Protein backbone atom coordinates (compact mmCIF):
# COMPACT_ATOMS: atom_id res chain seq x y z
CA MET A 1 -278.81 23.61 125.34
CA LYS A 2 -278.21 25.62 122.47
CA LYS A 3 -280.53 25.30 119.51
CA PHE A 4 -280.74 24.92 115.93
CA ASN A 5 -283.30 27.94 114.47
CA SER A 6 -284.41 25.22 112.55
CA ILE A 7 -283.82 22.75 110.35
CA LEU A 8 -284.82 21.60 106.27
CA LEU A 9 -285.58 18.17 105.74
CA ILE A 10 -285.28 17.39 102.02
CA ASP A 11 -285.95 13.48 101.25
CA ASP A 12 -288.04 11.86 98.80
CA ASP A 13 -290.01 9.55 100.70
CA LYS A 14 -292.35 10.96 103.01
CA ALA A 15 -292.25 8.09 105.60
CA THR A 16 -288.14 8.97 106.55
CA ASN A 17 -288.87 12.77 106.62
CA GLU A 18 -291.86 11.54 108.97
CA PHE A 19 -289.69 9.27 111.01
CA HIS A 20 -286.46 12.24 110.90
CA LYS A 21 -289.08 14.93 112.29
CA ILE A 22 -290.22 12.12 115.51
CA ILE A 23 -286.62 11.23 116.22
CA ILE A 24 -284.73 15.54 116.07
CA GLY A 25 -287.98 16.73 118.24
CA LEU A 26 -286.92 13.98 120.62
CA ALA A 27 -283.73 15.42 120.07
CA ASN A 28 -284.75 18.66 121.48
CA VAL A 29 -282.88 20.51 119.20
CA THR A 30 -285.38 22.66 117.38
CA ASP A 31 -289.00 24.19 117.74
CA THR A 32 -289.26 24.14 113.18
CA ILE A 33 -288.73 21.45 111.47
CA HIS A 34 -288.93 21.56 107.48
CA ALA A 35 -289.71 18.69 105.56
CA VAL A 36 -290.21 18.56 101.50
CA GLN A 37 -289.58 15.89 99.10
CA SER A 38 -287.46 17.61 96.45
CA GLY A 39 -284.23 19.50 95.92
CA GLN A 40 -286.76 21.94 93.94
CA GLU A 41 -288.88 21.84 96.98
CA GLY A 42 -285.49 22.34 98.79
CA LEU A 43 -284.41 25.63 96.49
CA ASP A 44 -288.19 27.12 96.29
CA TYR A 45 -288.47 27.17 100.35
CA LEU A 46 -285.10 27.82 100.45
CA THR A 47 -285.83 31.29 98.05
CA SER A 48 -289.08 32.38 99.60
CA LYS A 49 -289.90 35.70 101.05
CA GLY A 50 -292.40 35.58 104.30
CA PHE A 51 -294.11 32.37 103.44
CA TYR A 52 -292.66 29.96 105.76
CA ASN A 53 -290.92 32.94 107.87
CA SER A 54 -293.19 35.50 110.34
CA LYS A 55 -291.08 37.78 109.09
CA GLU A 56 -292.64 39.20 105.67
CA ASN A 57 -289.18 40.37 104.28
CA SER A 58 -286.99 37.44 105.30
CA TYR A 59 -285.47 33.97 104.32
CA PRO A 60 -286.14 30.42 106.17
CA GLN A 61 -282.50 30.46 106.91
CA PRO A 62 -282.62 27.22 108.18
CA ASP A 63 -279.17 26.44 110.26
CA LEU A 64 -279.45 22.64 109.58
CA ILE A 65 -279.97 20.92 105.97
CA PHE A 66 -280.73 16.90 106.35
CA LEU A 67 -280.24 16.36 102.21
CA ASP A 68 -280.50 13.23 100.94
CA ILE A 69 -278.97 11.58 97.68
CA ASN A 70 -280.64 9.92 95.29
CA MET A 71 -284.29 11.41 94.88
CA PRO A 72 -285.61 11.22 91.63
CA ALA A 73 -285.52 14.92 88.92
CA MET A 74 -283.03 16.13 90.66
CA ASN A 75 -280.10 14.05 92.86
CA GLY A 76 -278.58 15.87 96.11
CA PHE A 77 -275.47 16.60 94.46
CA GLU A 78 -277.50 18.46 91.83
CA PHE A 79 -279.38 20.45 94.82
CA ILE A 80 -275.77 21.09 95.85
CA GLU A 81 -275.12 22.96 92.24
CA GLU A 82 -278.25 24.84 92.34
CA TYR A 83 -277.81 26.21 96.08
CA ASP A 84 -274.27 27.42 95.18
CA LYS A 85 -276.39 29.61 92.17
CA ILE A 86 -278.73 31.28 95.00
CA SER A 87 -278.17 34.19 97.19
CA ASP A 88 -275.92 34.37 100.51
CA ASP A 89 -278.90 35.80 102.38
CA GLN A 90 -280.54 32.81 100.69
CA LYS A 91 -277.92 30.57 102.47
CA GLY A 92 -277.56 31.43 105.67
CA LYS A 93 -275.88 29.45 108.00
CA HIS A 94 -276.80 26.42 106.27
CA LEU A 95 -275.34 23.19 107.76
CA ILE A 96 -276.18 20.56 105.19
CA ILE A 97 -275.52 16.70 106.28
CA MET A 98 -275.76 14.26 103.56
CA LEU A 99 -278.13 11.57 104.36
CA THR A 100 -278.09 8.24 102.45
CA SER A 101 -278.56 4.27 101.89
CA SER A 102 -276.17 4.23 99.27
CA LEU A 103 -273.30 2.00 100.48
CA ASN A 104 -271.21 3.81 97.02
CA PRO A 105 -267.70 4.87 98.15
CA ASP A 106 -267.96 7.56 95.42
CA ASP A 107 -270.70 8.97 96.91
CA LYS A 108 -268.77 9.40 100.05
CA ASN A 109 -265.60 10.79 98.04
CA LEU A 110 -267.59 13.45 96.30
CA ALA A 111 -269.21 14.42 99.50
CA ASN A 112 -266.05 15.03 101.16
CA LYS A 113 -264.72 17.42 98.32
CA ILE A 114 -267.80 20.05 98.23
CA THR A 115 -267.39 22.98 100.76
CA HIS A 116 -271.32 22.69 101.70
CA ILE A 117 -271.62 19.50 102.78
CA LYS A 118 -270.30 19.84 106.17
CA ASP A 119 -271.18 15.46 106.75
CA PHE A 120 -271.73 12.67 105.22
CA LEU A 121 -274.44 9.83 107.23
CA SER A 122 -275.98 6.81 107.15
CA LYS A 123 -279.79 6.94 107.44
CA PRO A 124 -281.96 6.86 109.29
CA LEU A 125 -280.93 9.80 111.95
CA THR A 126 -280.43 9.13 115.95
CA LYS A 127 -281.08 10.48 118.36
CA ASP A 128 -277.93 10.27 119.70
CA THR A 129 -276.78 11.40 115.75
CA VAL A 130 -278.68 14.30 116.28
CA LEU A 131 -277.15 15.08 119.16
CA ASP A 132 -273.45 14.95 118.33
CA LEU A 133 -274.12 17.23 115.63
CA ARG A 134 -276.12 19.52 117.87
CA ASP A 135 -272.68 19.84 119.59
CA LYS A 136 -270.70 19.48 117.12
CA TYR A 137 -272.24 22.27 115.09
CA LEU A 138 -273.68 24.65 117.82
CA ASN A 139 -271.14 24.23 121.60
C-alpha cells in the first residue's frame, strides 16, 4: 500500500496531537508524523529548509495536514490565509483536512468554500478515517 510521505498535525492541544499520532501510527499510512501546537508553528515548519528534513535544501512538504479550527492566536482559517501567502515549493502536495469538535454549521460552510481544504472531519481521528483518507487520496 502507498503511504503519505509525511503528515503534519496542527492542534493547540498536545494530548490530541499525541492521540492522533498513535491513531496514524496504527493505520500505518506514513513513516513521518510531525506535530505542532499553533498555526504559526505550522507555518514555520512548512517554510523551514533542512531543519526538519534530511534533505538540507528542501522544505518538509508533508502530503497531509490535519488542521484544528479553534486555536488561540491563529485559528485554522487564519492559518489558511497565511498559508496562501507562502510559495508553492513550500506548499508541496498538501491535502489539508480540517478537524474540529465544533458543531457550528458556519465552520463547515466556510471550509467548503476554501479550495485548500479537502475534507472537514470531526475529532478525534479514528484508524478507519485515516485509512479512508489514504484510499481516497493515494489510490
